[in-house]
Amino acid sequence: MTPILMLGAGRMGGAMIEGWLAAGAFAGSDLMIRDPNPGPSALAAEQAGAILNPPDADLARAKTVVLGVKPQIWREAAAETAAWLGSGAVIVSIAAGVKSADIAKAFGGRCVARVMPTTAAAIGQGTASVYADDPAALARAHALFEPLGTVVSLTDEALMHAATAVSGSAPAYLYAFIETLEAAGTAAGLSAKDAQRLARSTLTGAAALLARSGEEPGELRRQVTSPGGTTQAALDVLLASNGLPDLMREAVVAAVRRSKELGA
């Protein structure tokens, strides 16, 4: 499955590269990276033996091609590279919303897997939603992402929109929640530094407990909520009509809608 050609090594592509090198899943020499503005991850990979911005003729060696450019420019990337690739190259796309059939057509009929990963791949704790109707492409995607964290295979490509909304975009939801919790703590009288330390440490600890305990989040919520206590008072606000459940449903619907628009 190597060499792996990375078309784009931005935030997500860079996280994948970092994760692979840290886990020893692939060596730098297994990678070819095409990016007109290479970031720290791509430059570090070059130091580890990756080929940065190889000439067109070298692309024929690629066994796996990771389509990691922004969805708005994926066709341009395909047009620049498809003719140079070997016939057996497998395309693994992380471009949100872009359909497998469109990618396969742009890459000359080569088999395609779609993946929606998260940037925690950089530390081996990523989550990747995977779809492919070709068994070889599905296996290739699993081989790429299993060293980077959790992989969930979807049975219907249409579910990639929902997976994008629930997983691919979700780290930003958590970061936004932490931002607003810190701001609320400051408004309640804490120093900015103390609000930051309290909010971040508490939420990362809660996430670690969820992962380790195997308990359902609802059960963990009940365990720390005393009837009539301070937590219950806060949850009465968060879980009220037009509160967090409604907002989260609206957020997921909006992300699904935008994912479909990007693939149109």
Protein backbone atom coordinates (compact mmCIF):
# COMPACT_ATOMS: atom_id res chain seq x y z
CA MET A 1 0.00 0.00 0.00
CA THR A 2 3.03 2.27 -0.06
CA PRO A 3 4.20 4.71 -1.23
CA ILE A 4 1.32 6.85 0.04
CA LEU A 5 0.74 10.05 -1.90
CA MET A 6 -0.77 12.84 0.19
CA LEU A 7 -2.58 15.37 -1.96
CA GLY A 8 -2.73 18.17 0.59
CA ALA A 9 -1.18 18.10 4.04
CA GLY A 10 -3.11 20.77 5.89
CA ARG A 11 -4.59 20.44 9.37
CA MET A 12 -6.10 16.98 8.84
CA GLY A 13 -3.49 15.58 6.49
CA GLY A 14 -0.79 16.86 8.79
CA ALA A 15 -2.44 15.16 11.77
CA MET A 16 -2.45 11.87 9.88
CA ILE A 17 1.22 12.22 9.03
CA GLU A 18 2.09 13.02 12.65
CA GLY A 19 0.10 10.06 13.90
CA TRP A 20 1.63 7.58 11.45
CA LEU A 21 5.17 8.65 12.24
CA ALA A 22 4.58 8.68 16.01
CA ALA A 23 3.00 5.21 15.93
CA GLY A 24 5.62 3.81 13.58
CA ALA A 25 2.80 2.74 11.24
CA PHE A 26 4.61 4.15 8.23
CA ALA A 27 8.10 5.54 7.79
CA GLY A 28 8.80 8.93 6.31
CA SER A 29 10.18 7.17 3.24
CA ASP A 30 6.72 5.63 2.67
CA LEU A 31 5.24 9.08 2.00
CA MET A 32 5.07 11.47 -0.93
CA ILE A 33 3.47 14.81 -0.15
CA ARG A 34 2.10 17.37 -2.58
CA ASP A 35 1.28 20.69 -0.97
CA PRO A 36 2.16 24.14 -2.35
CA ASN A 37 2.41 25.54 1.18
CA PRO A 38 3.75 22.70 3.33
CA GLY A 39 3.23 23.11 7.06
CA PRO A 40 5.29 21.83 9.99
CA SER A 41 4.01 18.24 9.71
CA ALA A 42 4.94 17.96 6.04
CA LEU A 43 8.34 19.54 6.64
CA ALA A 44 9.00 17.19 9.55
CA ALA A 45 8.04 14.24 7.36
CA GLU A 46 10.48 15.45 4.72
CA GLN A 47 13.21 15.42 7.34
CA ALA A 48 12.18 11.84 8.13
CA GLY A 49 12.59 10.79 4.49
CA ALA A 50 9.32 11.77 2.79
CA ILE A 51 9.43 13.21 -0.73
CA LEU A 52 7.93 16.68 -0.70
CA ASN A 53 6.33 17.91 -3.93
CA PRO A 54 7.64 15.12 -6.15
CA PRO A 55 7.71 15.57 -9.93
CA ASP A 56 4.76 14.25 -11.91
CA ALA A 57 6.62 11.18 -13.18
CA ASP A 58 7.17 9.94 -9.61
CA LEU A 59 3.44 9.78 -8.93
CA ALA A 60 3.19 6.50 -10.83
CA ARG A 61 4.85 4.78 -7.86
CA ALA A 62 2.00 5.67 -5.48
CA LYS A 63 -0.08 2.70 -4.36
CA THR A 64 -2.41 4.77 -2.16
CA VAL A 65 -3.53 8.35 -2.79
CA VAL A 66 -5.01 10.35 0.08
CA LEU A 67 -7.20 13.13 -1.28
CA GLY A 68 -6.74 15.65 1.51
CA VAL A 69 -7.38 18.99 -0.17
CA LYS A 70 -10.38 21.18 0.63
CA PRO A 71 -13.61 19.98 -0.99
CA GLN A 72 -13.82 23.15 -3.06
CA ILE A 73 -10.61 22.34 -4.97
CA TRP A 74 -10.63 18.55 -5.12
CA ARG A 75 -11.39 18.44 -8.86
CA GLU A 76 -8.36 20.61 -9.58
CA ALA A 77 -6.15 18.25 -7.55
CA ALA A 78 -7.57 15.24 -9.39
CA ALA A 79 -7.04 16.84 -12.80
CA GLU A 80 -3.40 17.58 -11.98
CA THR A 81 -2.55 14.05 -10.83
CA ALA A 82 -4.91 11.39 -12.22
CA ALA A 83 -3.11 10.89 -15.53
CA TRP A 84 0.20 10.24 -13.77
CA LEU A 85 -1.03 7.56 -11.37
CA GLY A 86 -0.65 3.83 -11.82
CA SER A 87 -3.80 1.90 -12.73
CA GLY A 88 -3.82 0.06 -9.39
CA ALA A 89 -3.66 3.13 -7.16
CA VAL A 90 -6.42 3.27 -4.52
CA ILE A 91 -7.94 6.67 -3.75
CA VAL A 92 -8.78 7.41 -0.12
CA SER A 93 -10.70 10.67 0.16
CA ILE A 94 -11.11 12.78 3.30
CA ALA A 95 -12.90 15.55 1.38
CA ALA A 96 -16.20 16.23 3.14
CA GLY A 97 -19.35 15.68 1.11
CA VAL A 98 -17.71 14.55 -2.15
CA LYS A 99 -19.30 11.35 -3.48
CA SER A 100 -17.30 8.22 -4.27
CA ALA A 101 -18.69 8.01 -7.80
CA ASP A 102 -17.53 11.54 -8.60
CA ILE A 103 -14.08 10.87 -7.19
CA ALA A 104 -13.76 7.59 -9.07
CA LYS A 105 -14.74 9.27 -12.33
CA ALA A 106 -12.25 12.09 -11.83
CA PHE A 107 -9.49 9.58 -11.07
CA GLY A 108 -10.07 7.44 -14.14
CA GLY A 109 -12.26 4.76 -12.57
CA ARG A 110 -9.87 3.82 -9.78
CA CYS A 111 -11.43 2.34 -6.63
CA VAL A 112 -12.27 4.77 -3.86
CA ALA A 113 -12.78 4.80 -0.10
CA ARG A 114 -14.23 7.77 1.72
CA VAL A 115 -13.15 8.65 5.24
CA MET A 116 -14.18 11.36 7.68
CA PRO A 117 -11.40 11.52 10.31
CA THR A 118 -10.64 13.79 13.26
CA THR A 119 -7.44 15.66 14.07
CA ALA A 120 -6.85 13.65 17.26
CA ALA A 121 -5.29 11.19 14.81
CA ALA A 122 -2.10 13.12 15.50
CA ILE A 123 -1.96 11.58 19.00
CA GLY A 124 -3.43 8.18 18.11
CA GLN A 125 -6.88 9.03 19.47
CA GLY A 126 -8.65 9.94 16.27
CA THR A 127 -12.01 8.70 15.04
CA ALA A 128 -12.56 7.80 11.41
CA SER A 129 -15.86 7.04 9.68
CA VAL A 130 -15.19 4.88 6.61
CA TYR A 131 -17.23 3.89 3.57
CA ALA A 132 -16.25 1.95 0.45
CA ASP A 133 -18.21 -0.40 -1.77
CA ASP A 134 -14.98 -2.04 -2.92
CA PRO A 135 -13.54 -4.49 -0.34
CA ALA A 136 -9.95 -3.68 -1.30
CA ALA A 137 -10.53 0.03 -0.88
CA LEU A 138 -12.25 -0.55 2.48
CA ALA A 139 -9.32 -2.63 3.68
CA ARG A 140 -6.88 0.06 2.52
CA ALA A 141 -8.77 2.73 4.49
CA HIS A 142 -8.75 0.57 7.62
CA ALA A 143 -5.02 -0.01 7.26
CA LEU A 144 -4.43 3.74 7.05
CA PHE A 145 -6.61 4.77 9.98
CA GLU A 146 -6.54 1.92 12.50
CA PRO A 147 -3.07 3.02 13.71
CA LEU A 148 -4.58 6.47 14.37
CA GLY A 149 -7.50 5.51 16.64
CA THR A 150 -11.05 4.22 16.26
CA VAL A 151 -12.47 3.24 12.85
CA VAL A 152 -16.21 2.88 12.21
CA SER A 153 -17.31 1.32 8.89
CA LEU A 154 -20.58 2.64 7.48
CA THR A 155 -22.90 0.48 5.38
CA ASP A 156 -24.36 3.29 3.26
CA GLU A 157 -22.46 6.18 1.70
CA ALA A 158 -25.37 8.51 2.46
CA LEU A 159 -24.53 8.11 6.15
CA MET A 160 -21.24 9.94 5.61
CA HIS A 161 -23.12 13.23 5.91
CA ALA A 162 -24.36 12.30 9.37
CA ALA A 163 -20.93 10.93 10.35
CA THR A 164 -19.38 14.23 9.32
CA ALA A 165 -21.84 16.12 11.52
CA VAL A 166 -21.56 13.79 14.53
CA SER A 167 -17.84 13.04 14.40
CA GLY A 168 -15.81 14.95 11.83
CA SER A 169 -17.10 18.35 12.90
CA ALA A 170 -17.74 17.48 16.55
CA PRO A 171 -14.35 18.38 18.05
CA ALA A 172 -15.18 22.01 17.25
CA TYR A 173 -18.46 21.66 19.17
CA LEU A 174 -16.55 20.56 22.26
CA TYR A 175 -13.99 23.33 21.91
CA ALA A 176 -16.81 25.86 21.57
CA PHE A 177 -18.44 24.45 24.72
CA ILE A 178 -15.19 24.78 26.64
CA GLU A 179 -14.74 28.35 25.41
CA THR A 180 -18.21 29.33 26.59
CA LEU A 181 -17.81 27.52 29.93
CA GLU A 182 -14.57 29.37 30.58
CA ALA A 183 -16.24 32.68 29.71
CA ALA A 184 -19.15 31.87 32.03
CA GLY A 185 -16.71 31.07 34.82
CA THR A 186 -14.98 34.40 34.35
CA ALA A 187 -18.35 36.16 34.37
CA ALA A 188 -19.13 34.41 37.66
CA GLY A 189 -16.01 35.93 39.25
CA LEU A 190 -13.17 33.48 38.57
CA SER A 191 -9.94 34.75 37.11
CA ALA A 192 -9.49 33.89 33.46
CA LYS A 193 -6.59 31.58 34.35
CA ASP A 194 -8.53 29.72 37.02
CA ALA A 195 -11.63 29.39 34.82
CA GLN A 196 -9.45 27.99 32.07
CA ARG A 197 -7.71 25.43 34.28
CA LEU A 198 -10.92 24.32 35.97
CA ALA A 199 -12.98 23.95 32.79
CA ARG A 200 -10.33 22.18 30.73
CA SER A 201 -9.15 19.80 33.42
CA THR A 202 -12.69 18.88 34.43
CA LEU A 203 -13.91 18.17 30.91
CA THR A 204 -10.86 16.21 29.79
CA GLY A 205 -11.11 14.17 33.00
CA ALA A 206 -14.80 13.52 32.39
CA ALA A 207 -14.07 12.41 28.82
CA ALA A 208 -11.33 10.06 30.05
CA LEU A 209 -13.72 8.57 32.62
CA LEU A 210 -16.36 8.01 29.93
CA ALA A 211 -13.81 6.22 27.77
CA ARG A 212 -12.43 4.08 30.58
CA SER A 213 -15.57 3.21 32.51
CA GLY A 214 -17.68 1.93 29.64
CA GLU A 215 -20.73 3.57 31.25
CA GLU A 216 -23.37 5.33 29.19
CA PRO A 217 -23.07 9.14 29.33
CA GLY A 218 -26.60 9.39 30.70
CA GLU A 219 -25.69 7.11 33.60
CA LEU A 220 -22.54 9.10 34.39
CA ARG A 221 -24.63 12.28 34.30
CA ARG A 222 -27.08 10.81 36.79
CA GLN A 223 -24.25 9.70 39.06
CA VAL A 224 -23.01 13.28 39.50
CA THR A 225 -26.43 14.93 39.70
CA SER A 226 -27.94 15.16 43.18
CA PRO A 227 -31.68 15.95 43.19
CA GLY A 228 -32.15 19.59 44.05
CA GLY A 229 -28.41 20.30 43.95
CA THR A 230 -26.25 22.70 41.99
CA THR A 231 -25.72 20.32 39.04
CA GLN A 232 -29.46 19.76 38.73
CA ALA A 233 -30.03 23.52 38.71
CA ALA A 234 -27.59 23.90 35.82
CA LEU A 235 -29.01 20.93 33.90
CA ASP A 236 -32.52 22.37 34.24
CA VAL A 237 -31.22 25.20 32.07
CA LEU A 238 -29.12 23.16 29.65
CA LEU A 239 -31.75 20.47 29.04
CA ALA A 240 -34.77 22.78 28.96
CA SER A 241 -36.93 23.31 25.89
CA ASN A 242 -34.82 25.07 23.24
CA GLY A 243 -31.75 24.11 25.26
CA LEU A 244 -28.83 21.83 24.46
CA PRO A 245 -30.80 18.89 22.92
CA ASP A 246 -32.60 21.16 20.45
CA LEU A 247 -29.46 23.16 19.69
CA MET A 248 -27.44 20.00 19.05
CA ARG A 249 -30.07 18.61 16.70
CA GLU A 250 -30.10 21.91 14.81
CA ALA A 251 -26.30 21.93 14.66
CA VAL A 252 -26.15 18.40 13.24
CA VAL A 253 -28.86 19.18 10.70
CA ALA A 254 -26.93 22.27 9.60
CA ALA A 255 -23.70 20.30 9.24
CA VAL A 256 -25.45 17.55 7.26
CA ARG A 257 -26.99 20.15 4.97
CA ARG A 258 -23.61 21.78 4.34
CA SER A 259 -21.97 18.41 3.70
CA LYS A 260 -24.55 17.71 1.00
CA GLU A 261 -23.98 21.15 -0.50
CA LEU A 262 -20.22 20.58 -0.71
CA GLY A 263 -20.80 17.36 -2.64
CA ALA A 264 -23.29 18.86 -5.09
